[in-house]
Protein backbone atom coordinates (compact mmCIF):
# COMPACT_ATOMS: atom_id res chain seq x y z
CA MET A 1 30.21 -17.82 60.84
CA LYS A 2 30.02 -21.02 59.09
CA TYR A 3 32.53 -23.25 57.84
CA ALA A 4 32.74 -26.30 55.25
CA ILE A 5 35.10 -29.20 54.67
CA TYR A 6 36.39 -30.30 51.30
CA SER A 7 38.10 -33.52 50.76
CA LYS A 8 38.30 -36.24 48.22
CA LYS A 9 40.27 -38.61 50.41
CA LYS A 10 38.94 -42.02 51.78
CA ASP A 11 41.86 -43.23 54.21
CA GLU A 12 41.25 -43.88 57.38
CA ILE A 13 43.83 -40.66 58.73
CA SER A 14 41.71 -38.24 56.39
CA LEU A 15 38.33 -39.76 57.54
CA ASN A 16 39.14 -39.61 61.32
CA LEU A 17 40.67 -35.91 61.37
CA ILE A 18 37.28 -34.78 59.16
CA ASP A 19 35.20 -36.20 62.12
CA GLU A 20 37.77 -34.92 64.75
CA ILE A 21 37.15 -31.40 63.06
CA LYS A 22 33.51 -31.70 62.97
CA HIS A 23 33.34 -32.50 66.68
CA GLY A 24 35.71 -29.73 67.87
CA ILE A 25 34.49 -26.69 65.82
CA LYS A 26 31.65 -24.85 67.30
CA LEU A 27 31.23 -22.72 64.22
CA GLU A 28 27.66 -23.90 61.85
CA TYR A 29 28.42 -26.27 58.96
CA ASP A 30 27.37 -24.93 55.71
CA GLU A 31 28.96 -26.34 52.37
CA LYS A 32 27.00 -23.74 49.94
CA ASN A 33 27.87 -20.78 51.83
CA PRO A 34 30.94 -21.38 54.04
CA ASP A 35 32.92 -18.16 55.31
CA ILE A 36 35.83 -20.99 56.18
CA VAL A 37 36.62 -23.87 54.05
CA ILE A 38 39.03 -26.43 55.74
CA THR A 39 40.71 -28.81 53.18
CA VAL A 40 41.87 -32.22 53.99
CA GLY A 41 44.46 -33.87 51.60
CA GLY A 42 47.28 -32.34 49.77
CA ASP A 43 47.91 -29.22 47.17
CA GLY A 44 45.37 -30.93 44.57
CA THR A 45 42.55 -30.85 46.91
CA PHE A 46 43.46 -27.36 48.08
CA ILE A 47 43.35 -26.17 44.44
CA ARG A 48 40.04 -28.11 43.84
CA ALA A 49 38.63 -26.50 46.99
CA VAL A 50 39.26 -22.86 45.58
CA HIS A 51 37.76 -23.69 42.22
CA ASN A 52 34.75 -25.12 43.86
CA TYR A 53 34.30 -21.62 45.27
CA ILE A 54 35.66 -19.56 42.89
CA ASP A 55 32.57 -17.28 42.42
CA ASN A 56 32.64 -16.58 46.50
CA LEU A 57 36.53 -16.29 47.04
CA CYS A 58 36.25 -12.74 48.82
CA ASN A 59 34.01 -14.00 51.27
CA ILE A 60 36.23 -17.39 52.35
CA VAL A 61 39.39 -17.96 54.19
CA PHE A 62 40.98 -21.65 53.10
CA PHE A 63 42.69 -23.56 55.91
CA GLY A 64 44.58 -26.79 54.29
CA ILE A 65 45.23 -29.85 56.57
CA LYS A 66 48.06 -31.88 54.79
CA THR A 67 47.41 -35.67 54.53
CA GLY A 68 48.52 -35.82 50.91
CA HIS A 69 52.11 -35.60 49.30
CA LEU A 70 52.58 -32.00 49.06
CA GLY A 71 51.23 -29.39 51.12
CA PHE A 72 52.51 -25.85 50.13
CA TYR A 73 49.23 -24.40 50.84
CA SER A 74 48.76 -26.46 53.97
CA ASN A 75 49.79 -24.82 57.14
CA TYR A 76 48.50 -27.57 59.25
CA THR A 77 48.74 -31.53 60.01
CA LYS A 78 47.09 -34.06 61.96
CA GLU A 79 49.77 -33.16 64.71
CA ASN A 80 48.52 -29.78 65.07
CA ILE A 81 44.92 -30.48 64.50
CA ASN A 82 43.77 -28.97 67.82
CA GLU A 83 45.59 -25.72 67.48
CA LEU A 84 43.58 -25.20 64.08
CA VAL A 85 40.46 -26.11 65.70
CA ASP A 86 41.05 -23.57 68.60
CA ARG A 87 42.02 -20.73 65.92
CA ILE A 88 39.06 -21.19 63.79
CA ASN A 89 36.82 -21.28 67.17
CA ASN A 90 38.39 -17.92 68.51
CA ASN A 91 38.88 -16.47 65.16
CA ASN A 92 42.63 -16.02 66.14
CA PHE A 93 44.63 -16.40 62.92
CA GLU A 94 46.86 -14.56 60.10
CA ILE A 95 45.68 -14.32 56.30
CA GLU A 96 47.95 -15.09 53.53
CA ASN A 97 46.74 -13.98 49.97
CA HIS A 98 47.65 -16.05 46.87
CA ASP A 99 47.86 -14.66 43.28
CA LEU A 100 45.57 -16.05 40.77
CA VAL A 101 46.28 -15.69 36.87
CA LYS A 102 43.35 -14.88 34.92
CA TRP A 103 42.97 -16.23 31.42
CA GLU A 104 40.28 -15.22 28.29
CA CYS A 105 39.92 -16.97 25.10
CA ASN A 106 37.07 -16.94 23.08
CA GLY A 107 34.53 -15.34 25.20
CA LYS A 108 35.39 -17.81 27.90
CA SER A 109 37.66 -17.08 30.97
CA GLY A 110 38.82 -18.99 34.23
CA TYR A 111 41.27 -18.66 36.96
CA SER A 112 44.41 -20.70 38.03
CA LEU A 113 46.14 -20.57 41.28
CA ASN A 114 48.98 -22.75 39.88
CA GLU A 115 49.27 -22.32 36.31
CA ILE A 116 47.66 -22.63 32.67
CA THR A 117 49.16 -24.20 30.01
CA ILE A 118 48.94 -24.03 26.25
CA VAL A 119 49.94 -27.75 25.04
CA ASN A 120 49.73 -29.76 21.58
CA PRO A 121 50.93 -33.05 22.39
CA CYS A 122 50.52 -34.30 18.61
CA ALA A 123 52.31 -31.33 16.65
CA THR A 124 54.65 -28.64 17.05
CA GLN A 125 52.81 -25.95 18.79
CA ILE A 126 53.60 -21.95 17.36
CA VAL A 127 52.86 -19.41 19.66
CA ASP A 128 52.97 -15.89 19.46
CA VAL A 129 54.15 -14.24 22.56
CA TYR A 130 52.75 -10.50 22.86
CA ILE A 131 53.43 -8.36 26.31
CA ASP A 132 51.36 -5.46 26.63
CA LYS A 133 50.51 -5.59 23.18
CA GLU A 134 54.13 -5.86 21.88
CA LYS A 135 55.52 -8.58 19.88
CA PHE A 136 58.02 -10.51 21.97
CA GLU A 137 58.76 -13.89 20.29
CA THR A 138 57.46 -17.02 18.67
CA VAL A 139 57.59 -19.88 20.33
CA ARG A 140 57.91 -23.33 18.60
CA GLY A 141 57.49 -26.64 20.62
CA THR A 142 55.51 -28.51 22.97
CA GLY A 143 53.99 -25.64 24.62
CA LEU A 144 53.86 -22.72 27.17
CA CYS A 145 53.38 -22.56 31.02
CA ILE A 146 52.22 -19.43 32.58
CA CYS A 147 52.25 -19.69 36.56
CA THR A 148 51.80 -17.63 39.67
CA THR A 149 54.81 -17.49 42.46
CA ASN A 150 52.88 -20.29 44.18
CA GLY A 151 52.59 -22.39 41.12
CA SER A 152 56.44 -21.88 40.58
CA THR A 153 56.86 -25.09 42.77
CA ALA A 154 54.88 -27.10 40.66
CA TYR A 155 54.89 -27.76 36.72
CA ASN A 156 56.95 -24.94 36.33
CA LYS A 157 59.71 -26.30 38.31
CA SER A 158 59.90 -29.37 36.29
CA LEU A 159 60.29 -27.51 33.21
CA GLY A 160 63.48 -25.83 34.93
CA GLY A 161 61.78 -22.49 35.75
CA PRO A 162 62.48 -20.80 38.67
CA VAL A 163 61.21 -21.27 42.25
CA VAL A 164 59.70 -17.55 43.36
CA ASP A 165 58.97 -16.14 46.83
CA PRO A 166 55.21 -15.95 46.69
CA LYS A 167 55.56 -12.37 48.42
CA LEU A 168 56.78 -11.05 45.04
CA GLY A 169 53.59 -11.43 43.12
CA CYS A 170 54.67 -11.87 39.53
CA LEU A 171 54.08 -13.96 36.51
CA ILE A 172 56.20 -16.64 35.21
CA LEU A 173 56.20 -17.85 31.44
CA SER A 174 58.28 -20.95 30.86
CA GLU A 175 58.63 -22.80 27.33
CA MET A 176 58.15 -26.69 27.11
CA ALA A 177 60.64 -28.26 24.88
CA SER A 178 61.15 -25.09 22.58
CA ILE A 179 62.68 -25.50 19.32
CA ASN A 180 65.93 -23.49 18.93
CA SER A 181 68.46 -23.60 15.81
CA ASN A 182 69.42 -21.45 13.13
CA ALA A 183 65.79 -21.20 11.55
CA TYR A 184 63.93 -20.85 14.80
CA ARG A 185 64.60 -18.79 17.65
CA SER A 186 63.57 -18.06 21.12
CA LEU A 187 64.20 -16.81 24.37
CA ASN A 188 64.71 -20.61 25.57
CA SER A 189 64.67 -19.22 29.39
CA SER A 190 61.88 -18.72 31.75
CA LEU A 191 60.69 -15.06 31.83
CA VAL A 192 59.34 -13.51 35.32
CA LEU A 193 57.13 -10.28 34.86
CA SER A 194 55.90 -7.89 37.62
CA ASN A 195 52.52 -7.76 38.16
CA ASN A 196 51.42 -5.20 35.95
CA HIS A 197 52.14 -6.79 32.73
CA LYS A 198 49.71 -8.76 30.27
CA LEU A 199 50.48 -11.65 28.13
CA GLU A 200 48.51 -12.39 24.62
CA LEU A 201 49.50 -15.73 23.38
CA VAL A 202 48.62 -16.07 19.94
CA SER A 203 48.41 -19.95 18.86
CA LYS A 204 48.46 -21.09 15.14
CA ASN A 205 46.94 -24.18 15.44
CA ALA A 206 44.58 -26.63 17.61
CA MET A 207 45.78 -26.85 21.37
CA TYR A 208 44.80 -27.91 24.79
CA LEU A 209 44.42 -25.21 27.46
CA THR A 210 44.75 -26.44 31.13
CA SER A 211 43.91 -24.34 34.12
CA ASP A 212 44.89 -26.11 37.33
CA HIS A 213 43.50 -29.52 36.89
CA LEU A 214 40.64 -28.24 34.01
CA LYS A 215 41.24 -28.89 30.72
CA TYR A 216 39.60 -27.43 27.44
CA GLU A 217 40.34 -28.18 23.64
CA ILE A 218 40.53 -25.36 21.49
CA GLU A 219 40.65 -25.57 17.51
CA GLY A 220 41.93 -23.36 15.15
CA GLU A 221 44.06 -20.04 15.49
CA ASN A 222 43.11 -18.33 18.94
CA THR A 223 44.26 -15.63 21.01
CA ILE A 224 44.79 -16.40 25.02
CA VAL A 225 44.82 -13.45 27.16
CA CYS A 226 46.68 -14.06 30.51
CA TYR A 227 47.35 -11.54 33.58
CA LEU A 228 47.36 -11.66 37.30
CA SER A 229 43.68 -11.05 38.65
CA ASP A 230 42.91 -8.45 41.32
CA LYS A 231 41.09 -11.58 43.07
CA LYS A 232 42.86 -13.54 45.87
CA VAL A 233 42.68 -16.68 47.50
CA LYS A 234 42.91 -16.13 51.10
CA SER A 235 44.38 -18.90 53.50
CA GLY A 236 44.23 -18.78 57.25
CA THR A 237 48.01 -19.43 58.70
CA ASN A 238 49.63 -20.09 62.11
CA LYS A 239 52.92 -18.68 60.53
CA SER A 240 54.70 -21.59 61.89
CA SER A 241 55.43 -22.66 58.17
CA ILE A 242 57.08 -20.34 56.26
CA PHE A 243 58.15 -20.44 52.23
CA ILE A 244 61.84 -21.49 52.86
CA ASP A 245 61.07 -24.23 55.10
CA ARG A 246 58.06 -25.70 52.78
CA ILE A 247 60.75 -25.83 49.82
CA LYS A 248 63.24 -27.54 52.00
CA LYS A 249 60.74 -30.04 53.47
CA SER A 250 59.69 -30.59 49.74
CA PHE A 251 62.40 -30.83 47.76
CA LEU A 252 65.64 -31.22 49.96
């Protein structure tokens, strides 16, 4: 078993934690081919670590230590760092699986742990929405957000979308500032789809496609295909922090 630490944080607390982890864990340190990746920071750090190891996810278990603002993917803090070290040294932990959205466009593809968005900040974005090859609606507005249940607490929530228990395993489509009038009509509400559905989003004009923190500029009319991937992100957990507790601590 080999491990690596992933962090972009340079504050004193994070640096001290990293040093403490390296002194406590008995495994071999290997950043290229780890079996365990420990992230130190917030959800942004965890997500970047997933993308950094996206080609080897089936062989990696991620552990998140929260030193940032939000920690939905983090089960540990500096207060229980010794428990984390003991669990890793003794291989004594449970695993949670997190869904990924896969997207495909113009021969390119990628994955998102939280969400992808289709955005045009300069002009009205016009998108035909197909579900399993059948035309559902045309959305005119700023764009669309397609997220996982884990991502439901992120940008989707800011758009007024539902917060969904990750165990449900579904795909959520939310509109951004959509135009609804006598001339134009769309659902104007978030749509929650079970994990066997496939979305095809036909954009009528240029746009930006974001995939978590990554950004792609796409010109002209294009089709973006989105669906829940069979690939999962595995995170180690002590089961001391459940979804409802995380919601309360973060928002209430």
